[in-house]
Amino acid sequence: MSKNSNFIGGVLIGTIVGGLAGLLLAPESGKDTMKKLKDAGEDFADNVKDFSSEAMEQVGDYKQELEKKVEKISKKVGNKVDSYKDDVEDRLEEVKGSIEEAMEELEEAAEELKEEDELK
């Protein structure tokens, strides 16, 4: 939980406790106390709505931030994969060329041996 959420939660709880203590300790008629308790309950409900709205907004912000980071990392990984793929393809071409040269040399050597064998 972030520092802002902790602060807001503390303010919310402090408001509730302070309001209830003031209402219950004040010397007033039952009717007035009930009205104040009702008003305090409505204020509490409003505070909870505000708190939940703010919390949802923060979750949305964190989600967007996380999505951006995942996208950035994904691009980096994709670039690395492409780079490695290009390197592998280049090396395969080199190996292919070396194998072709070796095959040609073997064919030439086999032809020379055949010619030498025919001369004997």
C-alpha atoms as a PDB file:
ATOM      1  CA  MET A   1       0.000   0.000   0.000  1.00  0.00           C
ATOM      2  CA  SER A   2       1.382   3.414  -0.846  1.00  0.00           C
ATOM      3  CA  LYS A   3       2.056   6.241   1.578  1.00  0.00           C
ATOM      4  CA  ASN A   4      -0.891   8.195   0.142  1.00  0.00           C
ATOM      5  CA  SER A   5      -3.274   5.314   0.759  1.00  0.00           C
ATOM      6  CA  ASN A   6      -2.005   4.896   4.319  1.00  0.00           C
ATOM      7  CA  PHE A   7      -2.426   8.609   4.962  1.00  0.00           C
ATOM      8  CA  ILE A   8      -5.928   8.696   3.510  1.00  0.00           C
ATOM      9  CA  GLY A   9      -6.908   5.614   5.515  1.00  0.00           C
ATOM     10  CA  GLY A  10      -5.580   7.241   8.690  1.00  0.00           C
ATOM     11  CA  VAL A  11      -7.497  10.443   8.019  1.00  0.00           C
ATOM     12  CA  LEU A  12     -10.638   8.433   7.363  1.00  0.00           C
ATOM     13  CA  ILE A  13     -10.343   6.439  10.592  1.00  0.00           C
ATOM     14  CA  GLY A  14      -9.433   9.564  12.582  1.00  0.00           C
ATOM     15  CA  THR A  15     -12.471  11.372  11.232  1.00  0.00           C
ATOM     16  CA  ILE A  16     -14.756   8.516  12.192  1.00  0.00           C
ATOM     17  CA  VAL A  17     -13.359   8.077  15.703  1.00  0.00           C
ATOM     18  CA  GLY A  18     -13.282  11.804  16.386  1.00  0.00           C
ATOM     19  CA  GLY A  19     -16.797  12.325  15.057  1.00  0.00           C
ATOM     20  CA  LEU A  20     -18.252   9.456  17.067  1.00  0.00           C
ATOM     21  CA  ALA A  21     -16.490  10.551  20.254  1.00  0.00           C
ATOM     22  CA  GLY A  22     -17.797  14.089  19.835  1.00  0.00           C
ATOM     23  CA  LEU A  23     -21.329  12.901  19.185  1.00  0.00           C
ATOM     24  CA  LEU A  24     -21.488  10.439  22.038  1.00  0.00           C
ATOM     25  CA  LEU A  25     -19.884  12.703  24.619  1.00  0.00           C
ATOM     26  CA  ALA A  26     -21.854  15.865  23.787  1.00  0.00           C
ATOM     27  CA  PRO A  27     -24.812  16.609  26.088  1.00  0.00           C
ATOM     28  CA  GLU A  28     -27.721  16.740  23.616  1.00  0.00           C
ATOM     29  CA  SER A  29     -31.162  15.216  23.259  1.00  0.00           C
ATOM     30  CA  GLY A  30     -31.530  11.754  21.746  1.00  0.00           C
ATOM     31  CA  LYS A  31     -33.168  13.195  18.648  1.00  0.00           C
ATOM     32  CA  ASP A  32     -30.261  15.558  17.984  1.00  0.00           C
ATOM     33  CA  THR A  33     -27.732  12.816  18.660  1.00  0.00           C
ATOM     34  CA  MET A  34     -29.524  10.453  16.257  1.00  0.00           C
ATOM     35  CA  LYS A  35     -29.550  13.148  13.558  1.00  0.00           C
ATOM     36  CA  LYS A  36     -25.846  13.780  14.068  1.00  0.00           C
ATOM     37  CA  LEU A  37     -25.145  10.032  13.955  1.00  0.00           C
ATOM     38  CA  LYS A  38     -27.120   9.792  10.717  1.00  0.00           C
ATOM     39  CA  ASP A  39     -25.187  12.730   9.248  1.00  0.00           C
ATOM     40  CA  ALA A  40     -21.925  11.201  10.434  1.00  0.00           C
ATOM     41  CA  GLY A  41     -22.907   7.909   8.784  1.00  0.00           C
ATOM     42  CA  GLU A  42     -23.618   9.715   5.523  1.00  0.00           C
ATOM     43  CA  ASP A  43     -20.293  11.553   5.774  1.00  0.00           C
ATOM     44  CA  PHE A  44     -18.581   8.222   6.410  1.00  0.00           C
ATOM     45  CA  ALA A  45     -20.251   6.700   3.347  1.00  0.00           C
ATOM     46  CA  ASP A  46     -19.114   9.679   1.253  1.00  0.00           C
ATOM     47  CA  ASN A  47     -15.572   9.340   2.591  1.00  0.00           C
ATOM     48  CA  VAL A  48     -15.545   5.626   1.774  1.00  0.00           C
ATOM     49  CA  LYS A  49     -16.757   6.371  -1.769  1.00  0.00           C
ATOM     50  CA  ASP A  50     -14.056   9.002  -2.189  1.00  0.00           C
ATOM     51  CA  PHE A  51     -11.416   6.661  -0.800  1.00  0.00           C
ATOM     52  CA  SER A  52     -12.468   3.780  -3.057  1.00  0.00           C
ATOM     53  CA  SER A  53     -12.573   6.075  -6.102  1.00  0.00           C
ATOM     54  CA  GLU A  54      -9.079   7.308  -5.337  1.00  0.00           C
ATOM     55  CA  ALA A  55      -7.862   3.761  -4.756  1.00  0.00           C
ATOM     56  CA  MET A  56      -9.321   2.641  -8.102  1.00  0.00           C
ATOM     57  CA  GLU A  57      -7.653   5.595  -9.813  1.00  0.00           C
ATOM     58  CA  GLN A  58      -4.296   4.617  -8.293  1.00  0.00           C
ATOM     59  CA  VAL A  59      -4.808   1.011  -9.405  1.00  0.00           C
ATOM     60  CA  GLY A  60      -5.495   2.284 -12.925  1.00  0.00           C
ATOM     61  CA  ASP A  61      -2.331   4.389 -12.823  1.00  0.00           C
ATOM     62  CA  TYR A  62      -0.263   1.434 -11.593  1.00  0.00           C
ATOM     63  CA  LYS A  63      -1.776  -0.756 -14.291  1.00  0.00           C
ATOM     64  CA  GLN A  64      -0.856   1.718 -17.029  1.00  0.00           C
ATOM     65  CA  GLU A  65       2.662   2.063 -15.640  1.00  0.00           C
ATOM     66  CA  LEU A  66       3.068  -1.709 -15.495  1.00  0.00           C
ATOM     67  CA  GLU A  67       1.770  -2.109 -19.052  1.00  0.00           C
ATOM     68  CA  LYS A  68       4.313   0.448 -20.292  1.00  0.00           C
ATOM     69  CA  LYS A  69       7.152  -1.353 -18.516  1.00  0.00           C
ATOM     70  CA  VAL A  70       6.058  -4.741 -19.868  1.00  0.00           C
ATOM     71  CA  GLU A  71       5.840  -3.307 -23.383  1.00  0.00           C
ATOM     72  CA  LYS A  72       9.315  -1.767 -23.070  1.00  0.00           C
ATOM     73  CA  ILE A  73      10.827  -5.037 -21.809  1.00  0.00           C
ATOM     74  CA  SER A  74       9.009  -6.977 -24.505  1.00  0.00           C
ATOM     75  CA  LYS A  75      10.490  -4.729 -27.188  1.00  0.00           C
ATOM     76  CA  LYS A  76      13.982  -5.153 -25.741  1.00  0.00           C
ATOM     77  CA  VAL A  77      13.600  -8.929 -25.681  1.00  0.00           C
ATOM     78  CA  GLY A  78      12.238  -8.910 -29.236  1.00  0.00           C
ATOM     79  CA  ASN A  79      15.184  -6.832 -30.419  1.00  0.00           C
ATOM     80  CA  LYS A  80      17.653  -9.205 -28.723  1.00  0.00           C
ATOM     81  CA  VAL A  81      15.936 -12.231 -30.293  1.00  0.00           C
ATOM     82  CA  ASP A  82      16.074 -10.589 -33.720  1.00  0.00           C
ATOM     83  CA  SER A  83      19.753  -9.771 -33.211  1.00  0.00           C
ATOM     84  CA  TYR A  84      20.588 -13.336 -32.167  1.00  0.00           C
ATOM     85  CA  LYS A  85      18.543 -14.688 -35.068  1.00  0.00           C
ATOM     86  CA  ASP A  86      20.507 -12.531 -37.513  1.00  0.00           C
ATOM     87  CA  ASP A  87      23.795 -13.700 -35.961  1.00  0.00           C
ATOM     88  CA  VAL A  88      22.758 -17.343 -36.208  1.00  0.00           C
ATOM     89  CA  GLU A  89      21.675 -16.926 -39.833  1.00  0.00           C
ATOM     90  CA  ASP A  90      25.010 -15.278 -40.695  1.00  0.00           C
ATOM     91  CA  ARG A  91      26.961 -18.063 -39.024  1.00  0.00           C
ATOM     92  CA  LEU A  92      24.857 -20.710 -40.753  1.00  0.00           C
ATOM     93  CA  GLU A  93      25.698 -19.120 -44.082  1.00  0.00           C
ATOM     94  CA  GLU A  94      29.394 -19.194 -43.167  1.00  0.00           C
ATOM     95  CA  VAL A  95      29.172 -22.858 -42.170  1.00  0.00           C
ATOM     96  CA  LYS A  96      27.234 -23.670 -45.333  1.00  0.00           C
ATOM     97  CA  GLY A  97      29.912 -21.963 -47.424  1.00  0.00           C
ATOM     98  CA  SER A  98      32.671 -23.847 -45.588  1.00  0.00           C
ATOM     99  CA  ILE A  99      30.895 -27.168 -46.120  1.00  0.00           C
ATOM    100  CA  GLU A 100      30.436 -26.433 -49.821  1.00  0.00           C
ATOM    101  CA  GLU A 101      34.149 -25.588 -50.156  1.00  0.00           C
ATOM    102  CA  ALA A 102      35.108 -28.776 -48.314  1.00  0.00           C
ATOM    103  CA  MET A 103      32.793 -30.832 -50.554  1.00  0.00           C
ATOM    104  CA  GLU A 104      34.341 -29.295 -53.683  1.00  0.00           C
ATOM    105  CA  GLU A 105      37.850 -30.028 -52.376  1.00  0.00           C
ATOM    106  CA  LEU A 106      36.859 -33.610 -51.592  1.00  0.00           C
ATOM    107  CA  GLU A 107      35.370 -34.049 -55.055  1.00  0.00           C
ATOM    108  CA  GLU A 108      38.552 -32.648 -56.622  1.00  0.00           C
ATOM    109  CA  ALA A 109      40.711 -34.908 -54.471  1.00  0.00           C
ATOM    110  CA  ALA A 110      38.545 -37.911 -55.373  1.00  0.00           C
ATOM    111  CA  GLU A 111      38.817 -37.011 -59.060  1.00  0.00           C
ATOM    112  CA  GLU A 112      42.596 -36.698 -58.789  1.00  0.00           C
ATOM    113  CA  LEU A 113      42.817 -40.073 -57.075  1.00  0.00           C
ATOM    114  CA  LYS A 114      40.646 -41.605 -59.777  1.00  0.00           C
ATOM    115  CA  GLU A 115      42.860 -40.124 -62.486  1.00  0.00           C
ATOM    116  CA  GLU A 116      46.007 -41.362 -60.728  1.00  0.00           C
ATOM    117  CA  ASP A 117      44.464 -44.784 -60.381  1.00  0.00           C
ATOM    118  CA  GLU A 118      43.626 -44.863 -64.095  1.00  0.00           C
ATOM    119  CA  LEU A 119      47.220 -43.929 -65.014  1.00  0.00           C
ATOM    120  CA  LYS A 120      48.638 -46.886 -63.172  1.00  0.00           C
END
